[in-house]
Amino acid sequence: MCDVKKYNEIYKDIKELTQEDTMQLVLEASTEEEKDFYIMISDFFLQKKQKECIARNVF
């Protein structure tokens, strides 16, 4: 059984990353898989922000 609390903490930490932080992670990734993972995380949170802006009719 996985430690749900541990993964909730990881999620919270990842959620706090800035675009600059994510870019640094991508640039310093040791494998293509790791790089793809960080890119997917960045895309996920960017899409969330875009949806929020669309819902508020920001653009």
PDB file of N, CA and C in Angstrom:
ATOM      1  N   MET A   1       0.842  -1.181   0.000  1.00  0.00           N
ATOM      2  CA  MET A   1       0.000   0.000   0.000  1.00  0.00           C
ATOM      3  C   MET A   1       0.887   1.245   0.000  1.00  0.00           C
ATOM      4  N   CYS A   2       0.543   2.213  -0.818  1.00  0.00           N
ATOM      5  CA  CYS A   2       1.381   3.415  -0.908  1.00  0.00           C
ATOM      6  C   CYS A   2       1.083   4.390   0.230  1.00  0.00           C
ATOM      7  N   ASP A   3       2.037   5.230   0.468  1.00  0.00           N
ATOM      8  CA  ASP A   3       1.937   6.247   1.506  1.00  0.00           C
ATOM      9  C   ASP A   3       1.272   7.486   0.892  1.00  0.00           C
ATOM     10  N   VAL A   4      -0.040   7.560   0.998  1.00  0.00           N
ATOM     11  CA  VAL A   4      -0.818   8.637   0.369  1.00  0.00           C
ATOM     12  C   VAL A   4      -0.371  10.000   0.876  1.00  0.00           C
ATOM     13  N   LYS A   5      -0.105  10.113   2.140  1.00  0.00           N
ATOM     14  CA  LYS A   5       0.319  11.390   2.719  1.00  0.00           C
ATOM     15  C   LYS A   5       1.622  11.871   2.061  1.00  0.00           C
ATOM     16  N   LYS A   6       2.523  10.944   1.824  1.00  0.00           N
ATOM     17  CA  LYS A   6       3.796  11.273   1.179  1.00  0.00           C
ATOM     18  C   LYS A   6       3.553  11.858  -0.215  1.00  0.00           C
ATOM     19  N   TYR A   7       2.662  11.235  -0.974  1.00  0.00           N
ATOM     20  CA  TYR A   7       2.396  11.703  -2.329  1.00  0.00           C
ATOM     21  C   TYR A   7       1.591  12.996  -2.345  1.00  0.00           C
ATOM     22  N   ASN A   8       0.776  13.209  -1.340  1.00  0.00           N
ATOM     23  CA  ASN A   8       0.082  14.495  -1.221  1.00  0.00           C
ATOM     24  C   ASN A   8       1.082  15.619  -1.003  1.00  0.00           C
ATOM     25  N   GLU A   9       2.099  15.348  -0.217  1.00  0.00           N
ATOM     26  CA  GLU A   9       3.146  16.342   0.026  1.00  0.00           C
ATOM     27  C   GLU A   9       3.946  16.603  -1.252  1.00  0.00           C
ATOM     28  N   ILE A  10       4.244  15.558  -1.999  1.00  0.00           N
ATOM     29  CA  ILE A  10       4.953  15.725  -3.267  1.00  0.00           C
ATOM     30  C   ILE A  10       4.130  16.585  -4.214  1.00  0.00           C
ATOM     31  N   TYR A  11       2.825  16.307  -4.287  1.00  0.00           N
ATOM     32  CA  TYR A  11       1.927  17.099  -5.139  1.00  0.00           C
ATOM     33  C   TYR A  11       1.967  18.574  -4.742  1.00  0.00           C
ATOM     34  N   LYS A  12       1.880  18.838  -3.456  1.00  0.00           N
ATOM     35  CA  LYS A  12       1.903  20.227  -2.974  1.00  0.00           C
ATOM     36  C   LYS A  12       3.214  20.917  -3.354  1.00  0.00           C
ATOM     37  N   ASP A  13       4.327  20.193  -3.221  1.00  0.00           N
ATOM     38  CA  ASP A  13       5.629  20.757  -3.582  1.00  0.00           C
ATOM     39  C   ASP A  13       5.689  21.055  -5.078  1.00  0.00           C
ATOM     40  N   ILE A  14       5.225  20.120  -5.881  1.00  0.00           N
ATOM     41  CA  ILE A  14       5.255  20.294  -7.335  1.00  0.00           C
ATOM     42  C   ILE A  14       4.356  21.453  -7.753  1.00  0.00           C
ATOM     43  N   LYS A  15       3.219  21.574  -7.104  1.00  0.00           N
ATOM     44  CA  LYS A  15       2.264  22.629  -7.429  1.00  0.00           C
ATOM     45  C   LYS A  15       2.862  24.026  -7.208  1.00  0.00           C
ATOM     46  N   GLU A  16       3.821  24.137  -6.320  1.00  0.00           N
ATOM     47  CA  GLU A  16       4.444  25.422  -5.991  1.00  0.00           C
ATOM     48  C   GLU A  16       5.577  25.809  -6.947  1.00  0.00           C
ATOM     49  N   LEU A  17       5.960  24.907  -7.845  1.00  0.00           N
ATOM     50  CA  LEU A  17       7.044  25.215  -8.774  1.00  0.00           C
ATOM     51  C   LEU A  17       6.672  26.371  -9.699  1.00  0.00           C
ATOM     52  N   THR A  18       7.622  27.224  -9.967  1.00  0.00           N
ATOM     53  CA  THR A  18       7.421  28.298 -10.935  1.00  0.00           C
ATOM     54  C   THR A  18       7.813  27.787 -12.316  1.00  0.00           C
ATOM     55  N   GLN A  19       7.506  28.562 -13.341  1.00  0.00           N
ATOM     56  CA  GLN A  19       7.913  28.194 -14.698  1.00  0.00           C
ATOM     57  C   GLN A  19       9.433  28.099 -14.784  1.00  0.00           C
ATOM     58  N   GLU A  20      10.121  28.992 -14.090  1.00  0.00           N
ATOM     59  CA  GLU A  20      11.582  28.979 -14.093  1.00  0.00           C
ATOM     60  C   GLU A  20      12.113  27.710 -13.415  1.00  0.00           C
ATOM     61  N   ASP A  21      11.478  27.325 -12.316  1.00  0.00           N
ATOM     62  CA  ASP A  21      11.873  26.091 -11.630  1.00  0.00           C
ATOM     63  C   ASP A  21      11.710  24.889 -12.555  1.00  0.00           C
ATOM     64  N   THR A  22      10.584  24.827 -13.217  1.00  0.00           N
ATOM     65  CA  THR A  22      10.303  23.710 -14.109  1.00  0.00           C
ATOM     66  C   THR A  22      11.298  23.680 -15.256  1.00  0.00           C
ATOM     67  N   MET A  23      11.622  24.834 -15.800  1.00  0.00           N
ATOM     68  CA  MET A  23      12.595  24.898 -16.894  1.00  0.00           C
ATOM     69  C   MET A  23      13.953  24.392 -16.425  1.00  0.00           C
ATOM     70  N   GLN A  24      14.343  24.751 -15.218  1.00  0.00           N
ATOM     71  CA  GLN A  24      15.614  24.276 -14.680  1.00  0.00           C
ATOM     72  C   GLN A  24      15.588  22.753 -14.539  1.00  0.00           C
ATOM     73  N   LEU A  25      14.480  22.209 -14.057  1.00  0.00           N
ATOM     74  CA  LEU A  25      14.359  20.757 -13.934  1.00  0.00           C
ATOM     75  C   LEU A  25      14.478  20.074 -15.294  1.00  0.00           C
ATOM     76  N   VAL A  26      13.829  20.649 -16.302  1.00  0.00           N
ATOM     77  CA  VAL A  26      13.892  20.081 -17.654  1.00  0.00           C
ATOM     78  C   VAL A  26      15.332  20.116 -18.168  1.00  0.00           C
ATOM     79  N   LEU A  27      15.987  21.247 -18.013  1.00  0.00           N
ATOM     80  CA  LEU A  27      17.347  21.403 -18.523  1.00  0.00           C
ATOM     81  C   LEU A  27      18.353  20.487 -17.821  1.00  0.00           C
ATOM     82  N   GLU A  28      18.093  20.198 -16.559  1.00  0.00           N
ATOM     83  CA  GLU A  28      19.028  19.389 -15.788  1.00  0.00           C
ATOM     84  C   GLU A  28      18.588  17.930 -15.646  1.00  0.00           C
ATOM     85  N   ALA A  29      17.535  17.541 -16.326  1.00  0.00           N
ATOM     86  CA  ALA A  29      17.062  16.149 -16.248  1.00  0.00           C
ATOM     87  C   ALA A  29      18.142  15.203 -16.761  1.00  0.00           C
ATOM     88  N   SER A  30      18.267  14.072 -16.100  1.00  0.00           N
ATOM     89  CA  SER A  30      19.329  13.135 -16.479  1.00  0.00           C
ATOM     90  C   SER A  30      18.897  12.153 -17.566  1.00  0.00           C
ATOM     91  N   THR A  31      17.588  12.030 -17.787  1.00  0.00           N
ATOM     92  CA  THR A  31      17.096  11.132 -18.847  1.00  0.00           C
ATOM     93  C   THR A  31      15.989  11.824 -19.634  1.00  0.00           C
ATOM     94  N   GLU A  32      15.706  11.315 -20.809  1.00  0.00           N
ATOM     95  CA  GLU A  32      14.604  11.852 -21.618  1.00  0.00           C
ATOM     96  C   GLU A  32      13.265  11.641 -20.917  1.00  0.00           C
ATOM     97  N   GLU A  33      13.131  10.505 -20.238  1.00  0.00           N
ATOM     98  CA  GLU A  33      11.883  10.223 -19.519  1.00  0.00           C
ATOM     99  C   GLU A  33      11.645  11.246 -18.413  1.00  0.00           C
ATOM    100  N   GLU A  34      12.692  11.563 -17.679  1.00  0.00           N
ATOM    101  CA  GLU A  34      12.600  12.555 -16.612  1.00  0.00           C
ATOM    102  C   GLU A  34      12.255  13.920 -17.205  1.00  0.00           C
ATOM    103  N   LYS A  35      12.902  14.263 -18.290  1.00  0.00           N
ATOM    104  CA  LYS A  35      12.637  15.524 -18.985  1.00  0.00           C
ATOM    105  C   LYS A  35      11.176  15.588 -19.420  1.00  0.00           C
ATOM    106  N   ASP A  36      10.686  14.516 -20.030  1.00  0.00           N
ATOM    107  CA  ASP A  36       9.285  14.461 -20.470  1.00  0.00           C
ATOM    108  C   ASP A  36       8.324  14.609 -19.291  1.00  0.00           C
ATOM    109  N   PHE A  37       8.675  14.000 -18.166  1.00  0.00           N
ATOM    110  CA  PHE A  37       7.853  14.093 -16.961  1.00  0.00           C
ATOM    111  C   PHE A  37       7.704  15.543 -16.505  1.00  0.00           C
ATOM    112  N   TYR A  38       8.816  16.261 -16.431  1.00  0.00           N
ATOM    113  CA  TYR A  38       8.770  17.659 -15.997  1.00  0.00           C
ATOM    114  C   TYR A  38       8.013  18.531 -17.002  1.00  0.00           C
ATOM    115  N   ILE A  39       8.166  18.242 -18.268  1.00  0.00           N
ATOM    116  CA  ILE A  39       7.427  18.987 -19.292  1.00  0.00           C
ATOM    117  C   ILE A  39       5.930  18.744 -19.144  1.00  0.00           C
ATOM    118  N   MET A  40       5.546  17.496 -18.901  1.00  0.00           N
ATOM    119  CA  MET A  40       4.124  17.168 -18.724  1.00  0.00           C
ATOM    120  C   MET A  40       3.546  17.860 -17.496  1.00  0.00           C
ATOM    121  N   ILE A  41       4.312  17.925 -16.434  1.00  0.00           N
ATOM    122  CA  ILE A  41       3.854  18.609 -15.223  1.00  0.00           C
ATOM    123  C   ILE A  41       3.660  20.097 -15.501  1.00  0.00           C
ATOM    124  N   SER A  42       4.617  20.683 -16.190  1.00  0.00           N
ATOM    125  CA  SER A  42       4.525  22.093 -16.544  1.00  0.00           C
ATOM    126  C   SER A  42       3.292  22.352 -17.403  1.00  0.00           C
ATOM    127  N   ASP A  43       3.084  21.498 -18.395  1.00  0.00           N
ATOM    128  CA  ASP A  43       1.920  21.635 -19.279  1.00  0.00           C
ATOM    129  C   ASP A  43       0.611  21.504 -18.503  1.00  0.00           C
ATOM    130  N   PHE A  44       0.561  20.555 -17.574  1.00  0.00           N
ATOM    131  CA  PHE A  44      -0.646  20.338 -16.775  1.00  0.00           C
ATOM    132  C   PHE A  44      -1.044  21.603 -16.021  1.00  0.00           C
ATOM    133  N   PHE A  45      -0.096  22.201 -15.320  1.00  0.00           N
ATOM    134  CA  PHE A  45      -0.421  23.389 -14.531  1.00  0.00           C
ATOM    135  C   PHE A  45      -0.671  24.611 -15.418  1.00  0.00           C
ATOM    136  N   LEU A  46      -0.018  24.688 -16.554  1.00  0.00           N
ATOM    137  CA  LEU A  46      -0.293  25.759 -17.508  1.00  0.00           C
ATOM    138  C   LEU A  46      -1.718  25.632 -18.043  1.00  0.00           C
ATOM    139  N   GLN A  47      -2.139  24.427 -18.368  1.00  0.00           N
ATOM    140  CA  GLN A  47      -3.502  24.200 -18.854  1.00  0.00           C
ATOM    141  C   GLN A  47      -4.534  24.568 -17.795  1.00  0.00           C
ATOM    142  N   LYS A  48      -4.252  24.261 -16.540  1.00  0.00           N
ATOM    143  CA  LYS A  48      -5.163  24.638 -15.449  1.00  0.00           C
ATOM    144  C   LYS A  48      -5.317  26.157 -15.387  1.00  0.00           C
ATOM    145  N   LYS A  49      -4.193  26.873 -15.480  1.00  0.00           N
ATOM    146  CA  LYS A  49      -4.238  28.336 -15.439  1.00  0.00           C
ATOM    147  C   LYS A  49      -5.000  28.891 -16.637  1.00  0.00           C
ATOM    148  N   GLN A  50      -4.800  28.291 -17.803  1.00  0.00           N
ATOM    149  CA  GLN A  50      -5.518  28.736 -19.004  1.00  0.00           C
ATOM    150  C   GLN A  50      -7.019  28.540 -18.840  1.00  0.00           C
ATOM    151  N   LYS A  51      -7.428  27.396 -18.305  1.00  0.00           N
ATOM    152  CA  LYS A  51      -8.852  27.130 -18.079  1.00  0.00           C
ATOM    153  C   LYS A  51      -9.454  28.147 -17.110  1.00  0.00           C
ATOM    154  N   GLU A  52      -8.696  28.485 -16.070  1.00  0.00           N
ATOM    155  CA  GLU A  52      -9.173  29.474 -15.101  1.00  0.00           C
ATOM    156  C   GLU A  52      -9.339  30.838 -15.764  1.00  0.00           C
ATOM    157  N   CYS A  53      -8.401  31.212 -16.618  1.00  0.00           N
ATOM    158  CA  CYS A  53      -8.485  32.500 -17.322  1.00  0.00           C
ATOM    159  C   CYS A  53      -9.671  32.518 -18.277  1.00  0.00           C
ATOM    160  N   ILE A  54      -9.876  31.424 -18.963  1.00  0.00           N
ATOM    161  CA  ILE A  54     -11.011  31.339 -19.894  1.00  0.00           C
ATOM    162  C   ILE A  54     -12.327  31.427 -19.113  1.00  0.00           C
ATOM    163  N   ALA A  55     -12.387  30.748 -17.988  1.00  0.00           N
ATOM    164  CA  ALA A  55     -13.613  30.777 -17.178  1.00  0.00           C
ATOM    165  C   ALA A  55     -13.914  32.184 -16.657  1.00  0.00           C
ATOM    166  N   ARG A  56     -12.877  32.988 -16.432  1.00  0.00           N
ATOM    167  CA  ARG A  56     -13.056  34.350 -15.951  1.00  0.00           C
ATOM    168  C   ARG A  56     -13.130  35.361 -17.091  1.00  0.00           C
ATOM    169  N   ASN A  57     -13.136  34.867 -18.340  1.00  0.00           N
ATOM    170  CA  ASN A  57     -13.181  35.732 -19.523  1.00  0.00           C
ATOM    171  C   ASN A  57     -12.047  36.740 -19.549  1.00  0.00           C
ATOM    172  N   VAL A  58     -10.856  36.303 -19.135  1.00  0.00           N
ATOM    173  CA  VAL A  58      -9.704  37.193 -19.112  1.00  0.00           C
ATOM    174  C   VAL A  58      -9.229  37.517 -20.519  1.00  0.00           C
ATOM    175  N   PHE A  59      -9.405  36.576 -21.452  1.00  0.00           N
ATOM    176  CA  PHE A  59      -9.003  36.863 -22.831  1.00  0.00           C
ATOM    177  C   PHE A  59      -9.939  36.242 -23.816  1.00  0.00           C
TER     178      PHE A  59
END
